[in-house]
Amino acid sequence: MSKAQAARAHQAFYDMIDQRDAAKRARRPTVPVGEPVTVLVIVPVVLPMSEIHAAADRLMDTPEYQAHARMLDAMLADMLLDPLPDVPIKD
């Protein structure tokens, strides 16, 4: 293969990659500015579920967790008891 042929093959390869990446970007969902976004994080876990539940139970028994849970409960109660402002609902 000559240097010119190698250069064309090399460029064709990178053009193909660029086209594939452009197609991927075009298929990505977009979120309009100001709209809420939900982030989902998936973490692979290699422990048995029984160990995960046992660790969660141990954590939930700590005073720090209990204090944090009480604080979150109070914040939620404040939000639920606070009257909602008159905001028009978008369709």
Protein backbone atom coordinates (compact mmCIF):
# COMPACT_ATOMS: atom_id res chain seq x y z
CA MET A 1 0.00 0.00 0.00
CA SER A 2 1.41 3.37 -0.93
CA LYS A 3 1.62 6.26 1.51
CA ALA A 4 -1.22 8.03 -0.31
CA GLN A 5 -3.45 4.93 -0.07
CA ALA A 6 -2.56 4.52 3.60
CA ALA A 7 -3.39 8.18 4.24
CA ARG A 8 -6.77 7.82 2.46
CA ALA A 9 -7.57 4.64 4.40
CA HIS A 10 -6.55 6.32 7.64
CA GLN A 11 -8.73 9.36 6.89
CA ALA A 12 -11.67 7.15 5.83
CA PHE A 13 -11.43 5.32 9.15
CA TYR A 14 -11.51 8.56 11.14
CA ASP A 15 -14.35 9.90 8.98
CA MET A 16 -16.33 6.74 9.76
CA ILE A 17 -15.70 7.21 13.50
CA ASP A 18 -16.77 10.88 13.27
CA GLN A 19 -19.99 9.92 11.43
CA ARG A 20 -20.78 7.27 14.04
CA ASP A 21 -20.18 9.74 16.87
CA ALA A 22 -22.34 12.37 15.16
CA ALA A 23 -25.16 9.82 14.78
CA LYS A 24 -24.88 8.96 18.49
CA ARG A 25 -25.01 12.63 19.47
CA ALA A 26 -28.08 13.16 17.28
CA ARG A 27 -29.91 10.32 19.07
CA ARG A 28 -29.15 11.60 22.57
CA PRO A 29 -32.14 13.02 24.40
CA THR A 30 -31.91 16.68 25.30
CA VAL A 31 -33.40 18.43 28.28
CA PRO A 32 -34.63 21.98 27.74
CA VAL A 33 -33.06 24.59 30.00
CA GLY A 34 -34.99 24.95 33.22
CA GLU A 35 -36.62 21.52 33.06
CA PRO A 36 -36.07 19.06 35.92
CA VAL A 37 -33.48 16.35 35.40
CA THR A 38 -33.44 12.97 37.11
CA VAL A 39 -30.06 11.34 37.48
CA LEU A 40 -29.91 7.57 37.73
CA VAL A 41 -26.73 6.03 39.06
CA ILE A 42 -26.21 2.31 38.64
CA VAL A 43 -23.52 0.79 40.82
CA PRO A 44 -22.52 -2.82 40.29
CA VAL A 45 -22.44 -4.65 43.62
CA VAL A 46 -20.60 -7.89 44.20
CA LEU A 47 -21.92 -8.57 47.70
CA PRO A 48 -24.84 -10.87 48.45
CA MET A 49 -28.09 -9.04 49.14
CA SER A 50 -28.14 -10.38 52.71
CA GLU A 51 -24.84 -8.58 53.44
CA ILE A 52 -26.12 -5.37 51.87
CA HIS A 53 -29.30 -5.50 53.99
CA ALA A 54 -27.29 -6.28 57.13
CA ALA A 55 -25.01 -3.29 56.48
CA ALA A 56 -28.03 -1.04 55.88
CA ASP A 57 -29.62 -2.24 59.13
CA ARG A 58 -26.39 -1.50 61.04
CA LEU A 59 -26.23 1.99 59.50
CA MET A 60 -29.86 2.75 60.26
CA ASP A 61 -29.30 1.92 63.93
CA THR A 62 -26.66 4.64 64.38
CA PRO A 63 -27.54 7.89 66.19
CA GLU A 64 -26.19 9.94 63.27
CA TYR A 65 -28.57 8.26 60.84
CA GLN A 66 -31.51 8.68 63.21
CA ALA A 67 -30.74 12.41 63.63
CA HIS A 68 -30.46 12.85 59.87
CA ALA A 69 -33.75 11.00 59.32
CA ARG A 70 -35.50 13.24 61.88
CA MET A 71 -34.13 16.34 60.15
CA LEU A 72 -35.34 15.12 56.74
CA ASP A 73 -38.75 14.24 58.20
CA ALA A 74 -39.07 17.77 59.62
CA MET A 75 -38.04 19.33 56.30
CA LEU A 76 -40.59 17.20 54.42
CA ALA A 77 -43.32 18.15 56.89
CA ASP A 78 -42.48 21.84 56.41
CA MET A 79 -42.69 21.47 52.64
CA LEU A 80 -45.98 19.58 52.77
CA LEU A 81 -47.60 22.01 55.20
CA ASP A 82 -46.41 25.12 53.34
CA PRO A 83 -49.13 26.41 51.00
CA LEU A 84 -48.25 26.18 47.34
CA PRO A 85 -47.88 29.42 45.41
CA ASP A 86 -50.31 30.14 42.59
CA VAL A 87 -48.28 28.85 39.68
CA PRO A 88 -49.97 27.99 36.40
CA ILE A 89 -49.58 24.35 35.41
CA LYS A 90 -48.04 23.75 32.00
CA ASP A 91 -49.55 21.10 29.75
